[in-house]
C-alpha atoms as a PDB file:
ATOM      1  CA  MET A   1      27.239 -86.200 -73.988  1.00  0.00           C
ATOM      2  CA  LYS A   2      23.934 -88.551 -74.566  1.00  0.00           C
ATOM      3  CA  HIS A   3      22.222 -90.227 -71.298  1.00  0.00           C
ATOM      4  CA  LEU A   4      21.312 -93.864 -72.743  1.00  0.00           C
ATOM      5  CA  GLY A   5      18.797 -94.791 -69.978  1.00  0.00           C
ATOM      6  CA  VAL A   6      19.145 -96.568 -66.712  1.00  0.00           C
ATOM      7  CA  ASP A   7      20.680-100.067 -65.854  1.00  0.00           C
ATOM      8  CA  ALA A   8      17.659-100.932 -63.678  1.00  0.00           C
ATOM      9  CA  PHE A   9      14.874-103.507 -63.472  1.00  0.00           C
ATOM     10  CA  GLN A  10      12.564-100.697 -61.826  1.00  0.00           C
ATOM     11  CA  ASN A  11      13.316 -97.065 -60.196  1.00  0.00           C
ATOM     12  CA  GLY A  12      16.854 -96.802 -60.802  1.00  0.00           C
ATOM     13  CA  THR A  13      19.003 -93.853 -59.584  1.00  0.00           C
ATOM     14  CA  ILE A  14      20.289 -91.547 -62.350  1.00  0.00           C
ATOM     15  CA  SER A  15      23.653 -89.449 -61.175  1.00  0.00           C
ATOM     16  CA  PHE A  16      26.098 -88.397 -63.769  1.00  0.00           C
ATOM     17  CA  GLY A  17      27.617 -85.061 -64.505  1.00  0.00           C
ATOM     18  CA  MET A  18      30.570 -83.113 -63.894  1.00  0.00           C
ATOM     19  CA  MET A  19      33.131 -83.568 -61.048  1.00  0.00           C
ATOM     20  CA  LEU A  20      35.885 -81.118 -59.716  1.00  0.00           C
ATOM     21  CA  LYS A  21      38.773 -82.703 -57.811  1.00  0.00           C
ATOM     22  CA  ASN A  22      40.148 -80.815 -54.795  1.00  0.00           C
ATOM     23  CA  GLY A  23      43.001 -82.396 -53.168  1.00  0.00           C
ATOM     24  CA  ASP A  24      41.095 -85.113 -51.609  1.00  0.00           C
ATOM     25  CA  ALA A  25      37.657 -83.308 -51.734  1.00  0.00           C
ATOM     26  CA  ASP A  26      35.105 -84.597 -54.622  1.00  0.00           C
ATOM     27  CA  HIS A  27      32.851 -81.800 -56.088  1.00  0.00           C
ATOM     28  CA  THR A  28      29.897 -83.181 -58.061  1.00  0.00           C
ATOM     29  CA  PHE A  29      27.859 -81.279 -60.293  1.00  0.00           C
ATOM     30  CA  ALA A  30      24.986 -83.482 -61.034  1.00  0.00           C
ATOM     31  CA  LEU A  31      23.059 -83.419 -63.791  1.00  0.00           C
ATOM     32  CA  GLY A  32      20.830 -86.618 -62.933  1.00  0.00           C
ATOM     33  CA  ASP A  33      17.946 -86.643 -60.686  1.00  0.00           C
ATOM     34  CA  ILE A  34      19.598 -87.130 -57.381  1.00  0.00           C
ATOM     35  CA  ASP A  35      20.255 -83.892 -55.968  1.00  0.00           C
ATOM     36  CA  PRO A  36      20.459 -82.357 -59.506  1.00  0.00           C
ATOM     37  CA  LEU A  37      22.222 -78.731 -60.609  1.00  0.00           C
ATOM     38  CA  VAL A  38      19.873 -78.817 -63.246  1.00  0.00           C
ATOM     39  CA  PRO A  39      15.649 -79.902 -63.236  1.00  0.00           C
ATOM     40  CA  TRP A  40      16.079 -83.003 -64.425  1.00  0.00           C
ATOM     41  CA  SER A  41      13.348 -82.788 -66.666  1.00  0.00           C
ATOM     42  CA  ASP A  42      15.077 -80.199 -68.641  1.00  0.00           C
ATOM     43  CA  THR A  43      18.309 -82.328 -68.643  1.00  0.00           C
ATOM     44  CA  TYR A  44      16.231 -85.481 -69.744  1.00  0.00           C
ATOM     45  CA  ASN A  45      15.176 -83.435 -73.130  1.00  0.00           C
ATOM     46  CA  ALA A  46      18.443 -81.878 -73.654  1.00  0.00           C
ATOM     47  CA  LEU A  47      20.259 -84.937 -73.549  1.00  0.00           C
ATOM     48  CA  LEU A  48      17.782 -87.515 -75.458  1.00  0.00           C
ATOM     49  CA  ASN A  49      20.383 -87.235 -78.508  1.00  0.00           C
ATOM     50  CA  PHE A  50      23.809 -85.947 -77.980  1.00  0.00           C
ATOM     51  CA  ALA A  51      24.427 -82.907 -76.817  1.00  0.00           C
ATOM     52  CA  VAL A  52      27.749 -80.669 -75.980  1.00  0.00           C
ATOM     53  CA  VAL A  53      27.947 -80.300 -72.231  1.00  0.00           C
ATOM     54  CA  SER A  54      30.136 -77.597 -71.097  1.00  0.00           C
ATOM     55  CA  VAL A  55      31.384 -76.223 -67.647  1.00  0.00           C
ATOM     56  CA  LYS A  56      32.867 -72.670 -67.298  1.00  0.00           C
ATOM     57  CA  ILE A  57      34.451 -71.993 -64.008  1.00  0.00           C
ATOM     58  CA  GLN A  58      35.510 -68.028 -63.498  1.00  0.00           C
ATOM     59  CA  LYS A  59      35.519 -66.194 -60.369  1.00  0.00           C
ATOM     60  CA  GLY A  60      34.164 -68.306 -57.840  1.00  0.00           C
ATOM     61  CA  THR A  61      31.330 -69.378 -60.226  1.00  0.00           C
ATOM     62  CA  VAL A  62      30.563 -72.753 -62.262  1.00  0.00           C
ATOM     63  CA  THR A  63      28.169 -72.112 -65.134  1.00  0.00           C
ATOM     64  CA  LEU A  64      27.084 -75.305 -66.956  1.00  0.00           C
ATOM     65  CA  LEU A  65      25.357 -75.179 -70.558  1.00  0.00           C
ATOM     66  CA  ILE A  66      24.114 -77.560 -72.598  1.00  0.00           C
ATOM     67  CA  ASN A  67      24.651 -77.054 -76.767  1.00  0.00           C
ATOM     68  CA  GLY A  68      25.680 -73.203 -75.781  1.00  0.00           C
ATOM     69  CA  LYS A  69      22.476 -72.312 -73.678  1.00  0.00           C
ATOM     70  CA  ARG A  70      23.421 -71.836 -69.891  1.00  0.00           C
ATOM     71  CA  VAL A  71      21.319 -74.101 -67.566  1.00  0.00           C
ATOM     72  CA  ALA A  72      22.622 -73.743 -64.217  1.00  0.00           C
ATOM     73  CA  GLN A  73      25.250 -71.498 -61.947  1.00  0.00           C
ATOM     74  CA  LYS A  74      26.429 -72.045 -59.002  1.00  0.00           C
ATOM     75  CA  SER A  75      28.841 -70.585 -56.765  1.00  0.00           C
ATOM     76  CA  ILE A  76      31.755 -72.273 -55.248  1.00  0.00           C
ATOM     77  CA  ASP A  77      33.720 -71.223 -52.371  1.00  0.00           C
ATOM     78  CA  PHE A  78      36.902 -73.235 -52.653  1.00  0.00           C
ATOM     79  CA  PRO A  79      39.889 -72.875 -55.358  1.00  0.00           C
ATOM     80  CA  ILE A  80      40.420 -75.278 -57.682  1.00  0.00           C
ATOM     81  CA  LYS A  81      43.484 -76.787 -57.501  1.00  0.00           C
ATOM     82  CA  GLY A  82      42.723 -80.211 -58.909  1.00  0.00           C
ATOM     83  CA  SER A  83      41.136 -81.976 -61.967  1.00  0.00           C
ATOM     84  CA  LEU A  84      38.046 -81.743 -63.960  1.00  0.00           C
ATOM     85  CA  GLY A  85      36.108 -84.922 -65.019  1.00  0.00           C
ATOM     86  CA  LEU A  86      32.791 -86.529 -65.736  1.00  0.00           C
ATOM     87  CA  PHE A  87      30.955 -89.080 -63.616  1.00  0.00           C
ATOM     88  CA  ALA A  88      28.423 -91.372 -63.770  1.00  0.00           C
ATOM     89  CA  GLY A  89      26.799 -93.186 -60.786  1.00  0.00           C
ATOM     90  CA  GLY A  90      23.893 -95.061 -59.452  1.00  0.00           C
ATOM     91  CA  ASP A  91      22.333 -96.985 -62.604  1.00  0.00           C
ATOM     92  CA  SER A  92      23.174 -94.357 -65.197  1.00  0.00           C
ATOM     93  CA  ILE A  93      24.059 -95.379 -68.676  1.00  0.00           C
ATOM     94  CA  VAL A  94      25.888 -92.336 -70.333  1.00  0.00           C
ATOM     95  CA  GLU A  95      27.628 -92.049 -73.454  1.00  0.00           C
ATOM     96  CA  ALA A  96      30.410 -89.273 -74.106  1.00  0.00           C
ATOM     97  CA  ARG A  97      32.186 -89.085 -77.367  1.00  0.00           C
ATOM     98  CA  SER A  98      35.152 -86.926 -76.139  1.00  0.00           C
ATOM     99  CA  PHE A  99      36.060 -84.730 -73.340  1.00  0.00           C
ATOM    100  CA  ARG A 100      38.563 -81.968 -73.367  1.00  0.00           C
ATOM    101  CA  VAL A 101      39.597 -78.759 -71.618  1.00  0.00           C
ATOM    102  CA  ASP A 102      40.386 -75.636 -73.862  1.00  0.00           C
ATOM    103  CA  LYS A 103      41.993 -73.231 -71.423  1.00  0.00           C
ATOM    104  CA  VAL A 104      43.169 -73.678 -67.915  1.00  0.00           C
ATOM    105  CA  MET A 105      43.460 -70.523 -66.001  1.00  0.00           C
ATOM    106  CA  SER A 106      45.146 -69.993 -62.809  1.00  0.00           C
END
């Protein structure tokens, strides 16, 4: 994943990251500067070039890694019974070269 910039004349909204869908509810884990899970300066610097962004979900905890380094962790209080994906919103321009799920555990 790489953050390419913002498609806005001035003061664009940066919002992108991971999304878990649980039934009809969407749970986002933002990497951008709108309610970020990670400080935006850390994310910005890590995503100036392509980086491997990984998510590990285990026992009620979501862990976010960038290039294998743990950058954030968040507790969740709902079962994962849906899909996992990427989102880009606001004025963000993000490139993802691939997306895969390595292991699904019930």
